[in-house]
Amino acid sequence: MSADSIRAAEIYAQAAKTAAMAPQTDGVSETAKPDFSQMLKTAMETTAASLQTGEAAAASVATGNASLVDVVTAVSAAEVSLEAAIAVRNRIIEAYQEILRMPI
């Protein structure tokens, strides 16, 4: 299993957990009508946190407070997270462009 598929599975699991924990409204559970903006916000916050962790690890290795293995692991996780965010952005742009091409 590649790192990309592992990260995608983690993001999906987190989004599913967020949707399941949302309060119910109108007698319909939030899992039946998930809040897309909240899922995107959660994914972006997770990506930002991963990038900050990678930067902090790189700074700590520069001062000699962390091992190189920890830094490589943190930076790799940040890279995978950023690539996933870019892939989602690209798919959103493609969908928007497809909608613009639809005849009215």
Protein backbone atom coordinates (compact mmCIF):
# COMPACT_ATOMS: atom_id res chain seq x y z
CA MET A 1 0.00 0.00 0.00
CA SER A 2 1.49 3.34 -1.01
CA ALA A 3 1.88 6.34 1.26
CA ASP A 4 -0.68 8.27 -0.82
CA SER A 5 -3.36 5.63 -0.36
CA ILE A 6 -2.61 5.39 3.36
CA ARG A 7 -2.92 9.18 3.75
CA ALA A 8 -6.12 9.22 1.68
CA ALA A 9 -7.57 6.50 3.91
CA GLU A 10 -6.65 8.53 7.00
CA ILE A 11 -8.30 11.67 5.60
CA TYR A 12 -11.42 9.70 4.66
CA ALA A 13 -11.62 8.14 8.13
CA GLN A 14 -11.25 11.54 9.77
CA ALA A 15 -13.92 13.08 7.53
CA ALA A 16 -16.28 10.18 8.26
CA LYS A 17 -15.68 10.60 12.00
CA THR A 18 -16.36 14.35 11.74
CA ALA A 19 -19.59 13.73 9.83
CA ALA A 20 -20.72 11.07 12.32
CA MET A 21 -20.10 13.34 15.34
CA ALA A 22 -22.10 16.27 13.89
CA PRO A 23 -25.49 16.96 15.54
CA GLN A 24 -28.64 15.69 13.86
CA THR A 25 -31.07 18.17 12.30
CA ASP A 26 -34.52 17.85 10.74
CA GLY A 27 -34.68 14.15 11.64
CA VAL A 28 -31.97 13.39 9.08
CA SER A 29 -28.52 12.44 10.31
CA GLU A 30 -25.51 14.40 9.13
CA THR A 31 -24.07 11.21 7.66
CA ALA A 32 -26.94 11.28 5.17
CA LYS A 33 -26.17 14.91 4.29
CA PRO A 34 -22.55 15.66 5.16
CA ASP A 35 -21.32 19.24 5.39
CA PHE A 36 -18.81 19.47 2.55
CA SER A 37 -17.37 22.79 3.71
CA GLN A 38 -16.68 21.37 7.17
CA MET A 39 -14.94 18.33 5.68
CA LEU A 40 -12.77 20.60 3.51
CA LYS A 41 -11.98 22.83 6.48
CA THR A 42 -10.95 19.81 8.57
CA ALA A 43 -8.76 18.47 5.76
CA MET A 44 -7.06 21.85 5.28
CA GLU A 45 -6.47 22.22 9.02
CA THR A 46 -4.93 18.74 9.11
CA THR A 47 -2.71 19.60 6.15
CA ALA A 48 -1.59 22.87 7.74
CA ALA A 49 -0.82 21.10 11.03
CA SER A 50 1.21 18.48 9.17
CA LEU A 51 3.21 21.17 7.38
CA GLN A 52 3.86 22.99 10.65
CA THR A 53 5.02 19.75 12.26
CA GLY A 54 7.45 19.19 9.39
CA GLU A 55 8.81 22.72 9.69
CA ALA A 56 9.20 22.38 13.46
CA ALA A 57 11.04 19.08 13.04
CA ALA A 58 13.39 20.64 10.49
CA ALA A 59 14.09 23.53 12.85
CA SER A 60 14.75 21.20 15.78
CA VAL A 61 17.23 19.10 13.79
CA ALA A 62 19.05 22.29 12.84
CA THR A 63 19.57 23.00 16.54
CA GLY A 64 20.52 19.38 17.20
CA ASN A 65 17.45 18.52 19.28
CA ALA A 66 15.95 15.87 16.99
CA SER A 67 17.11 12.87 15.03
CA LEU A 68 17.30 12.97 11.28
CA VAL A 69 14.92 9.99 11.02
CA ASP A 70 12.20 11.92 12.86
CA VAL A 71 12.65 14.88 10.55
CA VAL A 72 12.49 12.77 7.41
CA THR A 73 9.33 11.09 8.69
CA ALA A 74 7.66 14.42 9.53
CA VAL A 75 8.64 16.02 6.23
CA SER A 76 7.45 12.98 4.27
CA ALA A 77 4.08 13.09 6.05
CA ALA A 78 3.81 16.80 5.28
CA GLU A 79 4.65 16.16 1.64
CA VAL A 80 2.00 13.47 1.29
CA SER A 81 -0.56 15.68 2.99
CA LEU A 82 0.24 18.59 0.69
CA GLU A 83 0.07 16.37 -2.40
CA ALA A 84 -3.37 15.15 -1.30
CA ALA A 85 -4.57 18.74 -0.83
CA ILE A 86 -3.26 19.69 -4.27
CA ALA A 87 -4.98 16.68 -5.84
CA VAL A 88 -8.30 17.67 -4.25
CA ARG A 89 -7.85 21.25 -5.44
CA ASN A 90 -7.14 20.06 -8.98
CA ARG A 91 -10.26 17.88 -8.99
CA ILE A 92 -12.40 20.79 -7.74
CA ILE A 93 -11.05 23.02 -10.51
CA GLU A 94 -11.71 20.30 -13.11
CA ALA A 95 -15.28 19.91 -11.86
CA TYR A 96 -15.85 23.67 -11.97
CA GLN A 97 -14.51 23.85 -15.53
CA GLU A 98 -16.78 20.96 -16.54
CA ILE A 99 -19.78 22.79 -15.09
CA LEU A 100 -18.83 25.90 -17.06
CA ARG A 101 -18.79 23.85 -20.28
CA MET A 102 -22.34 22.58 -19.73
CA PRO A 103 -24.97 24.04 -22.04
CA ILE A 104 -27.67 26.05 -20.37
